[in-house]
C-alpha atoms as a PDB file:
ATOM      1  CA  MET A   1      24.630  44.214  -2.360  1.00  0.00           C
ATOM      2  CA  THR A   2      28.117  42.487  -1.295  1.00  0.00           C
ATOM      3  CA  SER A   3      28.066  38.791  -3.010  1.00  0.00           C
ATOM      4  CA  VAL A   4      28.185  35.918  -0.509  1.00  0.00           C
ATOM      5  CA  SER A   5      29.316  32.421  -0.911  1.00  0.00           C
ATOM      6  CA  GLU A   6      28.456  29.053   0.878  1.00  0.00           C
ATOM      7  CA  TYR A   7      30.613  26.928   3.026  1.00  0.00           C
ATOM      8  CA  PRO A   8      30.556  23.544   4.750  1.00  0.00           C
ATOM      9  CA  PHE A   9      29.694  24.323   8.443  1.00  0.00           C
ATOM     10  CA  SER A  10      30.118  22.541  11.696  1.00  0.00           C
ATOM     11  CA  GLN A  11      29.241  22.686  15.266  1.00  0.00           C
ATOM     12  CA  VAL A  12      31.226  20.284  17.632  1.00  0.00           C
ATOM     13  CA  ASP A  13      30.971  19.838  21.268  1.00  0.00           C
ATOM     14  CA  VAL A  14      34.459  19.236  22.667  1.00  0.00           C
ATOM     15  CA  PHE A  15      35.751  17.611  26.064  1.00  0.00           C
ATOM     16  CA  ALA A  16      31.805  16.076  26.581  1.00  0.00           C
ATOM     17  CA  PRO A  17      31.747  12.547  27.109  1.00  0.00           C
ATOM     18  CA  GLY A  18      27.951  13.136  28.491  1.00  0.00           C
ATOM     19  CA  PRO A  19      25.498  14.058  29.710  1.00  0.00           C
ATOM     20  CA  GLN A  20      26.601  17.622  30.187  1.00  0.00           C
ATOM     21  CA  PRO A  21      28.046  19.499  27.481  1.00  0.00           C
ATOM     22  CA  GLY A  22      31.597  20.545  27.087  1.00  0.00           C
ATOM     23  CA  ASN A  23      32.601  23.105  24.761  1.00  0.00           C
ATOM     24  CA  PRO A  24      31.555  24.350  21.641  1.00  0.00           C
ATOM     25  CA  VAL A  25      33.521  25.217  18.747  1.00  0.00           C
ATOM     26  CA  ALA A  26      32.032  26.712  15.354  1.00  0.00           C
ATOM     27  CA  VAL A  27      34.109  25.205  11.935  1.00  0.00           C
ATOM     28  CA  VAL A  28      34.075  26.531   8.621  1.00  0.00           C
ATOM     29  CA  HIS A  29      35.335  23.963   6.304  1.00  0.00           C
ATOM     30  CA  ASN A  30      36.983  24.878   2.831  1.00  0.00           C
ATOM     31  CA  ALA A  31      37.661  28.663   4.127  1.00  0.00           C
ATOM     32  CA  ASP A  32      40.501  29.344   1.890  1.00  0.00           C
ATOM     33  CA  ASP A  33      39.278  32.212  -0.043  1.00  0.00           C
ATOM     34  CA  LEU A  34      38.107  34.334   3.346  1.00  0.00           C
ATOM     35  CA  SER A  35      39.969  37.077   4.617  1.00  0.00           C
ATOM     36  CA  ALA A  36      41.267  37.733   8.111  1.00  0.00           C
ATOM     37  CA  GLU A  37      38.405  40.412   8.257  1.00  0.00           C
ATOM     38  CA  GLN A  38      35.552  38.155   7.389  1.00  0.00           C
ATOM     39  CA  MET A  39      37.289  35.547   9.530  1.00  0.00           C
ATOM     40  CA  GLN A  40      36.974  38.011  12.740  1.00  0.00           C
ATOM     41  CA  SER A  41      33.976  39.366  11.834  1.00  0.00           C
ATOM     42  CA  PHE A  42      32.194  35.551  11.610  1.00  0.00           C
ATOM     43  CA  ALA A  43      33.853  34.785  14.926  1.00  0.00           C
ATOM     44  CA  ASN A  44      32.943  37.860  16.845  1.00  0.00           C
ATOM     45  CA  TRP A  45      29.210  36.992  15.507  1.00  0.00           C
ATOM     46  CA  THR A  46      29.051  33.271  16.733  1.00  0.00           C
ATOM     47  CA  ASN A  47      29.886  34.716  20.012  1.00  0.00           C
ATOM     48  CA  LEU A  48      31.472  31.359  20.748  1.00  0.00           C
ATOM     49  CA  PRO A  49      34.699  30.879  22.812  1.00  0.00           C
ATOM     50  CA  GLU A  50      36.273  29.862  19.210  1.00  0.00           C
ATOM     51  CA  THR A  51      35.516  29.695  15.464  1.00  0.00           C
ATOM     52  CA  THR A  52      38.089  28.137  13.378  1.00  0.00           C
ATOM     53  CA  PHE A  53      38.404  27.832   9.453  1.00  0.00           C
ATOM     54  CA  LEU A  54      39.894  24.983   7.313  1.00  0.00           C
ATOM     55  CA  LEU A  55      42.187  25.932   4.959  1.00  0.00           C
ATOM     56  CA  ARG A  56      44.498  24.040   2.377  1.00  0.00           C
ATOM     57  CA  PRO A  57      47.951  23.360   4.252  1.00  0.00           C
ATOM     58  CA  THR A  58      51.184  25.367   2.837  1.00  0.00           C
ATOM     59  CA  ARG A  59      53.931  22.712   4.652  1.00  0.00           C
ATOM     60  CA  PRO A  60      53.747  18.987   2.794  1.00  0.00           C
ATOM     61  CA  GLU A  61      53.869  17.464   6.390  1.00  0.00           C
ATOM     62  CA  ALA A  62      50.247  18.690   6.988  1.00  0.00           C
ATOM     63  CA  ASP A  63      46.979  17.530   6.372  1.00  0.00           C
ATOM     64  CA  TYR A  64      45.153  20.864   6.727  1.00  0.00           C
ATOM     65  CA  ARG A  65      45.663  24.479   8.263  1.00  0.00           C
ATOM     66  CA  LEU A  66      43.532  26.188  10.951  1.00  0.00           C
ATOM     67  CA  ARG A  67      43.066  29.325  11.340  1.00  0.00           C
ATOM     68  CA  ILE A  68      41.413  30.561  15.243  1.00  0.00           C
ATOM     69  CA  PHE A  69      39.730  33.409  16.704  1.00  0.00           C
ATOM     70  CA  THR A  70      37.804  34.251  19.903  1.00  0.00           C
ATOM     71  CA  PRO A  71      35.212  37.082  19.188  1.00  0.00           C
ATOM     72  CA  ALA A  72      37.928  39.703  19.790  1.00  0.00           C
ATOM     73  CA  SER A  73      40.996  38.219  18.269  1.00  0.00           C
ATOM     74  CA  GLU A  74      42.943  35.557  16.382  1.00  0.00           C
ATOM     75  CA  LEU A  75      45.074  33.197  18.199  1.00  0.00           C
ATOM     76  CA  PRO A  76      48.109  31.287  17.386  1.00  0.00           C
ATOM     77  CA  PHE A  77      47.007  28.031  19.076  1.00  0.00           C
ATOM     78  CA  ALA A  78      44.143  26.741  21.037  1.00  0.00           C
ATOM     79  CA  GLY A  79      43.474  23.519  22.413  1.00  0.00           C
ATOM     80  CA  HIS A  80      39.665  22.705  22.178  1.00  0.00           C
ATOM     81  CA  PRO A  81      39.387  23.901  18.610  1.00  0.00           C
ATOM     82  CA  THR A  82      41.975  21.561  17.594  1.00  0.00           C
ATOM     83  CA  LEU A  83      40.123  18.615  18.432  1.00  0.00           C
ATOM     84  CA  GLY A  84      36.822  19.720  17.644  1.00  0.00           C
ATOM     85  CA  SER A  85      38.180  20.820  13.875  1.00  0.00           C
ATOM     86  CA  ALA A  86      40.082  17.592  13.480  1.00  0.00           C
ATOM     87  CA  HIS A  87      36.438  15.930  13.735  1.00  0.00           C
ATOM     88  CA  ALA A  88      35.141  17.864  11.760  1.00  0.00           C
ATOM     89  CA  TRP A  89      37.735  17.277   9.041  1.00  0.00           C
ATOM     90  CA  LEU A  90      37.380  13.791   9.650  1.00  0.00           C
ATOM     91  CA  GLU A  91      33.700  14.030   9.329  1.00  0.00           C
ATOM     92  CA  ASN A  92      33.665  15.799   6.511  1.00  0.00           C
ATOM     93  CA  GLY A  93      35.799  13.375   4.559  1.00  0.00           C
ATOM     94  CA  GLY A  94      39.457  14.814   5.120  1.00  0.00           C
ATOM     95  CA  GLN A  95      41.879  11.833   4.579  1.00  0.00           C
ATOM     96  CA  PRO A  96      45.033  11.903   6.565  1.00  0.00           C
ATOM     97  CA  HIS A  97      48.579  11.204   5.590  1.00  0.00           C
ATOM     98  CA  ARG A  98      48.875   8.898   8.034  1.00  0.00           C
ATOM     99  CA  PRO A  99      46.033   6.041   9.261  1.00  0.00           C
ATOM    100  CA  GLY A 100      45.269   7.330  12.825  1.00  0.00           C
ATOM    101  CA  GLU A 101      47.336  10.478  13.012  1.00  0.00           C
ATOM    102  CA  LEU A 102      46.636  13.916  11.794  1.00  0.00           C
ATOM    103  CA  VAL A 103      49.165  16.731  11.610  1.00  0.00           C
ATOM    104  CA  GLN A 104      47.405  20.323  11.765  1.00  0.00           C
ATOM    105  CA  GLU A 105      49.126  23.440  10.790  1.00  0.00           C
ATOM    106  CA  CYS A 106      48.760  26.682  12.528  1.00  0.00           C
ATOM    107  CA  GLU A 107      50.390  29.948  13.610  1.00  0.00           C
ATOM    108  CA  VAL A 108      52.801  27.735  16.251  1.00  0.00           C
ATOM    109  CA  GLY A 109      53.865  25.314  13.934  1.00  0.00           C
ATOM    110  CA  LEU A 110      52.397  21.756  13.236  1.00  0.00           C
ATOM    111  CA  VAL A 111      50.586  20.039  16.197  1.00  0.00           C
ATOM    112  CA  LYS A 112      50.409  16.197  15.881  1.00  0.00           C
ATOM    113  CA  ILE A 113      46.660  14.677  17.061  1.00  0.00           C
ATOM    114  CA  SER A 114      46.303  11.052  17.449  1.00  0.00           C
ATOM    115  CA  GLN A 115      43.129   9.202  17.579  1.00  0.00           C
ATOM    116  CA  THR A 116      41.249   6.576  19.293  1.00  0.00           C
ATOM    117  CA  ALA A 117      37.932   4.689  18.914  1.00  0.00           C
ATOM    118  CA  ASN A 118      36.482   7.348  21.707  1.00  0.00           C
ATOM    119  CA  GLU A 119      39.033  10.212  21.832  1.00  0.00           C
ATOM    120  CA  GLN A 120      41.245  12.125  20.033  1.00  0.00           C
ATOM    121  CA  PHE A 121      44.766  13.487  21.373  1.00  0.00           C
ATOM    122  CA  PHE A 122      46.855  16.638  20.579  1.00  0.00           C
ATOM    123  CA  GLU A 123      50.547  16.723  21.655  1.00  0.00           C
ATOM    124  CA  ALA A 124      51.058  19.923  24.016  1.00  0.00           C
ATOM    125  CA  PRO A 125      53.287  22.314  21.722  1.00  0.00           C
ATOM    126  CA  PRO A 126      56.263  23.541  22.732  1.00  0.00           C
ATOM    127  CA  LEU A 127      55.867  26.115  25.595  1.00  0.00           C
ATOM    128  CA  ARG A 128      56.485  30.144  24.251  1.00  0.00           C
ATOM    129  CA  HIS A 129      57.101  31.188  27.644  1.00  0.00           C
ATOM    130  CA  SER A 130      57.760  29.847  31.104  1.00  0.00           C
ATOM    131  CA  GLY A 131      59.144  30.313  34.160  1.00  0.00           C
ATOM    132  CA  PRO A 132      58.645  32.297  37.434  1.00  0.00           C
ATOM    133  CA  LEU A 133      55.531  35.123  37.236  1.00  0.00           C
ATOM    134  CA  GLU A 134      56.916  38.461  37.378  1.00  0.00           C
ATOM    135  CA  PRO A 135      55.981  39.775  40.885  1.00  0.00           C
ATOM    136  CA  GLU A 136      53.762  42.468  39.751  1.00  0.00           C
ATOM    137  CA  VAL A 137      52.118  39.735  37.357  1.00  0.00           C
ATOM    138  CA  LEU A 138      51.460  37.513  40.054  1.00  0.00           C
ATOM    139  CA  GLU A 139      50.032  40.534  42.320  1.00  0.00           C
ATOM    140  CA  GLN A 140      47.671  41.491  39.775  1.00  0.00           C
ATOM    141  CA  ALA A 141      46.272  37.646  39.535  1.00  0.00           C
ATOM    142  CA  ILE A 142      45.798  37.264  43.149  1.00  0.00           C
ATOM    143  CA  THR A 143      43.861  40.335  43.056  1.00  0.00           C
ATOM    144  CA  SER A 144      42.093  39.750  40.622  1.00  0.00           C
ATOM    145  CA  LEU A 145      41.240  36.050  42.014  1.00  0.00           C
ATOM    146  CA  ARG A 146      40.380  37.734  45.484  1.00  0.00           C
ATOM    147  CA  ILE A 147      42.388  35.224  47.334  1.00  0.00           C
ATOM    148  CA  THR A 148      45.290  35.635  49.146  1.00  0.00           C
ATOM    149  CA  PRO A 149      49.334  35.104  48.672  1.00  0.00           C
ATOM    150  CA  GLU A 150      49.090  32.440  50.978  1.00  0.00           C
ATOM    151  CA  GLU A 151      46.327  30.360  49.184  1.00  0.00           C
ATOM    152  CA  VAL A 152      48.652  30.225  46.269  1.00  0.00           C
ATOM    153  CA  LEU A 153      50.806  27.031  46.326  1.00  0.00           C
ATOM    154  CA  ASP A 154      53.035  27.757  43.014  1.00  0.00           C
ATOM    155  CA  SER A 155      52.895  29.955  40.201  1.00  0.00           C
ATOM    156  CA  ASN A 156      54.290  29.963  36.773  1.00  0.00           C
ATOM    157  CA  TRP A 157      54.095  31.218  32.901  1.00  0.00           C
ATOM    158  CA  VAL A 158      52.111  28.067  30.801  1.00  0.00           C
ATOM    159  CA  ASP A 159      51.583  30.054  27.540  1.00  0.00           C
ATOM    160  CA  ASN A 160      51.677  28.042  24.529  1.00  0.00           C
ATOM    161  CA  GLY A 161      49.975  30.756  22.268  1.00  0.00           C
ATOM    162  CA  PRO A 162      47.183  32.176  24.339  1.00  0.00           C
ATOM    163  CA  GLY A 163      49.358  33.605  27.073  1.00  0.00           C
ATOM    164  CA  TRP A 164      48.473  31.518  29.838  1.00  0.00           C
ATOM    165  CA  LEU A 165      49.842  31.979  33.482  1.00  0.00           C
ATOM    166  CA  GLY A 166      49.020  29.108  36.061  1.00  0.00           C
ATOM    167  CA  ILE A 167      48.186  29.257  39.968  1.00  0.00           C
ATOM    168  CA  ARG A 168      48.091  26.379  41.616  1.00  0.00           C
ATOM    169  CA  LEU A 169      45.868  26.230  45.056  1.00  0.00           C
ATOM    170  CA  ALA A 170      45.430  23.634  47.425  1.00  0.00           C
ATOM    171  CA  SER A 171      42.092  22.149  46.541  1.00  0.00           C
ATOM    172  CA  ALA A 172      39.573  21.918  43.669  1.00  0.00           C
ATOM    173  CA  ARG A 173      37.076  23.033  46.495  1.00  0.00           C
ATOM    174  CA  ALA A 174      39.093  26.596  46.412  1.00  0.00           C
ATOM    175  CA  VAL A 175      39.275  26.284  42.302  1.00  0.00           C
ATOM    176  CA  LEU A 176      35.654  26.065  42.554  1.00  0.00           C
ATOM    177  CA  ASP A 177      34.743  28.766  45.039  1.00  0.00           C
ATOM    178  CA  LEU A 178      36.881  31.686  43.203  1.00  0.00           C
ATOM    179  CA  LYS A 179      34.679  34.779  42.078  1.00  0.00           C
ATOM    180  CA  PRO A 180      37.054  36.814  40.029  1.00  0.00           C
ATOM    181  CA  ASP A 181      37.220  40.565  39.625  1.00  0.00           C
ATOM    182  CA  PHE A 182      37.455  40.425  35.747  1.00  0.00           C
ATOM    183  CA  THR A 183      38.276  44.459  35.786  1.00  0.00           C
ATOM    184  CA  ALA A 184      40.884  43.884  38.316  1.00  0.00           C
ATOM    185  CA  MET A 185      42.232  40.781  35.708  1.00  0.00           C
ATOM    186  CA  GLY A 186      42.435  43.232  32.585  1.00  0.00           C
ATOM    187  CA  GLN A 187      44.265  41.578  29.661  1.00  0.00           C
ATOM    188  CA  LEU A 188      45.848  38.682  31.931  1.00  0.00           C
ATOM    189  CA  ASN A 189      44.611  35.010  30.587  1.00  0.00           C
ATOM    190  CA  VAL A 190      44.809  32.937  34.364  1.00  0.00           C
ATOM    191  CA  GLY A 191      44.540  29.408  34.483  1.00  0.00           C
ATOM    192  CA  VAL A 192      44.249  27.789  37.920  1.00  0.00           C
ATOM    193  CA  ILE A 193      44.243  24.416  39.007  1.00  0.00           C
ATOM    194  CA  GLY A 194      43.557  22.261  42.522  1.00  0.00           C
ATOM    195  CA  ALA A 195      43.789  18.704  42.931  1.00  0.00           C
ATOM    196  CA  TYR A 196      40.556  16.356  44.189  1.00  0.00           C
ATOM    197  CA  GLY A 197      41.159  13.939  47.039  1.00  0.00           C
ATOM    198  CA  ASP A 198      39.775  10.317  46.595  1.00  0.00           C
ATOM    199  CA  GLY A 199      36.269   9.990  44.848  1.00  0.00           C
ATOM    200  CA  GLY A 200      36.393  12.909  43.275  1.00  0.00           C
ATOM    201  CA  PRO A 201      35.214  13.531  39.613  1.00  0.00           C
ATOM    202  CA  ALA A 202      38.859  13.429  38.651  1.00  0.00           C
ATOM    203  CA  ASP A 203      41.954  14.558  39.996  1.00  0.00           C
ATOM    204  CA  PHE A 204      42.487  17.992  39.550  1.00  0.00           C
ATOM    205  CA  GLU A 205      39.694  20.974  38.706  1.00  0.00           C
ATOM    206  CA  VAL A 206      40.886  23.750  36.163  1.00  0.00           C
ATOM    207  CA  ARG A 207      39.074  26.585  35.468  1.00  0.00           C
ATOM    208  CA  GLY A 208      40.515  29.102  32.913  1.00  0.00           C
ATOM    209  CA  PHE A 209      39.924  33.049  32.773  1.00  0.00           C
ATOM    210  CA  LEU A 210      40.439  35.519  29.511  1.00  0.00           C
ATOM    211  CA  PRO A 211      38.792  38.365  29.706  1.00  0.00           C
ATOM    212  CA  GLY A 212      40.983  40.432  27.754  1.00  0.00           C
ATOM    213  CA  LEU A 213      39.514  38.144  24.634  1.00  0.00           C
ATOM    214  CA  ALA A 214      36.008  38.595  25.584  1.00  0.00           C
ATOM    215  CA  ILE A 215      35.983  35.050  27.427  1.00  0.00           C
ATOM    216  CA  PRO A 216      35.576  35.524  31.011  1.00  0.00           C
ATOM    217  CA  GLU A 217      35.418  31.947  31.475  1.00  0.00           C
ATOM    218  CA  ASP A 218      36.098  29.359  29.051  1.00  0.00           C
ATOM    219  CA  PRO A 219      34.368  26.383  29.760  1.00  0.00           C
ATOM    220  CA  VAL A 220      37.049  23.871  29.086  1.00  0.00           C
ATOM    221  CA  THR A 221      40.490  24.531  27.641  1.00  0.00           C
ATOM    222  CA  GLY A 222      42.746  22.236  25.643  1.00  0.00           C
ATOM    223  CA  SER A 223      45.867  24.804  25.572  1.00  0.00           C
ATOM    224  CA  LEU A 224      45.746  26.078  29.230  1.00  0.00           C
ATOM    225  CA  ASN A 225      45.610  22.172  30.332  1.00  0.00           C
ATOM    226  CA  ALA A 226      48.277  21.297  28.115  1.00  0.00           C
ATOM    227  CA  GLY A 227      50.315  24.110  29.241  1.00  0.00           C
ATOM    228  CA  LEU A 228      49.976  23.122  33.204  1.00  0.00           C
ATOM    229  CA  ALA A 229      50.658  19.711  32.465  1.00  0.00           C
ATOM    230  CA  GLN A 230      54.067  20.376  30.804  1.00  0.00           C
ATOM    231  CA  TRP A 231      54.404  22.626  34.289  1.00  0.00           C
ATOM    232  CA  LEU A 232      52.730  20.178  36.555  1.00  0.00           C
ATOM    233  CA  ILE A 233      54.764  17.400  35.613  1.00  0.00           C
ATOM    234  CA  GLY A 234      58.061  18.661  34.725  1.00  0.00           C
ATOM    235  CA  SER A 235      57.975  19.760  38.537  1.00  0.00           C
ATOM    236  CA  GLY A 236      57.008  16.685  39.744  1.00  0.00           C
ATOM    237  CA  ALA A 237      53.636  18.032  41.229  1.00  0.00           C
ATOM    238  CA  ALA A 238      51.512  15.654  38.856  1.00  0.00           C
ATOM    239  CA  GLU A 239      51.591  12.119  37.666  1.00  0.00           C
ATOM    240  CA  GLY A 240      52.669  11.505  34.227  1.00  0.00           C
ATOM    241  CA  ASN A 241      48.708  10.880  33.774  1.00  0.00           C
ATOM    242  CA  TYR A 242      45.743  12.003  35.066  1.00  0.00           C
ATOM    243  CA  THR A 243      42.425  13.391  34.798  1.00  0.00           C
ATOM    244  CA  VAL A 244      40.886  17.045  34.604  1.00  0.00           C
ATOM    245  CA  SER A 245      37.035  18.021  35.290  1.00  0.00           C
ATOM    246  CA  GLN A 246      36.719  21.370  33.927  1.00  0.00           C
ATOM    247  CA  GLY A 247      33.280  23.506  33.557  1.00  0.00           C
ATOM    248  CA  THR A 248      31.957  22.827  36.588  1.00  0.00           C
ATOM    249  CA  ALA A 249      31.513  26.121  38.247  1.00  0.00           C
ATOM    250  CA  LEU A 250      29.683  26.882  34.519  1.00  0.00           C
ATOM    251  CA  GLY A 251      27.223  23.681  34.420  1.00  0.00           C
ATOM    252  CA  ARG A 252      29.364  22.089  31.813  1.00  0.00           C
ATOM    253  CA  GLY A 253      30.879  18.452  32.231  1.00  0.00           C
ATOM    254  CA  GLY A 254      34.213  19.153  30.331  1.00  0.00           C
ATOM    255  CA  ARG A 255      36.343  15.809  31.007  1.00  0.00           C
ATOM    256  CA  LEU A 256      40.154  15.578  29.770  1.00  0.00           C
ATOM    257  CA  THR A 257      43.258  12.946  29.549  1.00  0.00           C
ATOM    258  CA  ILE A 258      46.438  13.878  30.348  1.00  0.00           C
ATOM    259  CA  THR A 259      48.860  11.133  28.894  1.00  0.00           C
ATOM    260  CA  SER A 260      53.413  11.398  29.122  1.00  0.00           C
ATOM    261  CA  GLU A 261      54.591   9.186  26.467  1.00  0.00           C
ATOM    262  CA  GLY A 262      58.561   9.999  26.640  1.00  0.00           C
ATOM    263  CA  ASP A 263      59.240  13.455  25.989  1.00  0.00           C
ATOM    264  CA  SER A 264      55.627  14.018  24.982  1.00  0.00           C
ATOM    265  CA  ILE A 265      52.424  15.528  26.401  1.00  0.00           C
ATOM    266  CA  TRP A 266      49.010  14.602  25.256  1.00  0.00           C
ATOM    267  CA  VAL A 267      45.742  16.266  25.869  1.00  0.00           C
ATOM    268  CA  GLY A 268      42.443  14.095  24.780  1.00  0.00           C
ATOM    269  CA  GLY A 269      38.817  14.339  25.188  1.00  0.00           C
ATOM    270  CA  THR A 270      35.989  12.979  23.304  1.00  0.00           C
ATOM    271  CA  SER A 271      34.138  15.490  20.181  1.00  0.00           C
ATOM    272  CA  ARG A 272      30.610  15.116  18.788  1.00  0.00           C
ATOM    273  CA  THR A 273      29.224  16.987  16.156  1.00  0.00           C
ATOM    274  CA  VAL A 274      25.672  18.890  17.161  1.00  0.00           C
ATOM    275  CA  VAL A 275      25.267  21.102  14.452  1.00  0.00           C
ATOM    276  CA  ARG A 276      25.986  20.570  10.439  1.00  0.00           C
ATOM    277  CA  GLY A 277      25.071  22.432   7.433  1.00  0.00           C
ATOM    278  CA  SER A 278      25.798  25.460   5.694  1.00  0.00           C
ATOM    279  CA  VAL A 279      27.099  29.248   6.707  1.00  0.00           C
ATOM    280  CA  PHE A 280      27.092  32.095   3.543  1.00  0.00           C
ATOM    281  CA  LEU A 281      29.928  34.654   4.029  1.00  0.00           C
END
């Protein structure tokens, strides 16, 4: 019989100020002796959008190192797992080098995380891929969203690790009405954003689709919103500070805060632990 070990475990709800839930992330603490195969197998078993593993850092500037897995593959970076894992690390006794600021090491490099009394914010990492979509990619995205080219106000690569592309529609209602064809979407990771008018629950509604990563629709997505913010603020299509609603189509109550400080863009929200205990792997 294969031997197993016990690891502290947290399940954290991220971007959920309440009462509706946001996006869960499973967090395994002290996971240094787990192999990538064990991590992937457990992430497949949890069947959550992401499962993370906290490890000792390899860089002196970092407070901890994080590996992030979907049910199908490892990601170099993701936003809601970053904030949820930071919350779990602090709750489990983690002591940052600098009060009020954490530095996470992950495949994209070092990610800064700041905290207020009610929210944590991560600094949007540099985009790995930006600029206009190739015509064939845009055509595939439009077809998979079951919309017409005339409905697209703008599009751009907004990839900071997961491979996101962004599509801007005329309204939040248009975003909420989408009924994607995930077979046609294939391996594309498509984020869609549209503005609310006055009186909306936020400034924008966002939806994120990742069928190639076994996540047809992600409830609330930090990495996508970071990339969209860099694109929209950089192009002048959005103000430097705004709010986002995501997960509405799935019955979730995700809320994100986008804040600009100089050349940096920060993505924030609330996190709360809903499960705490041990796992045996």
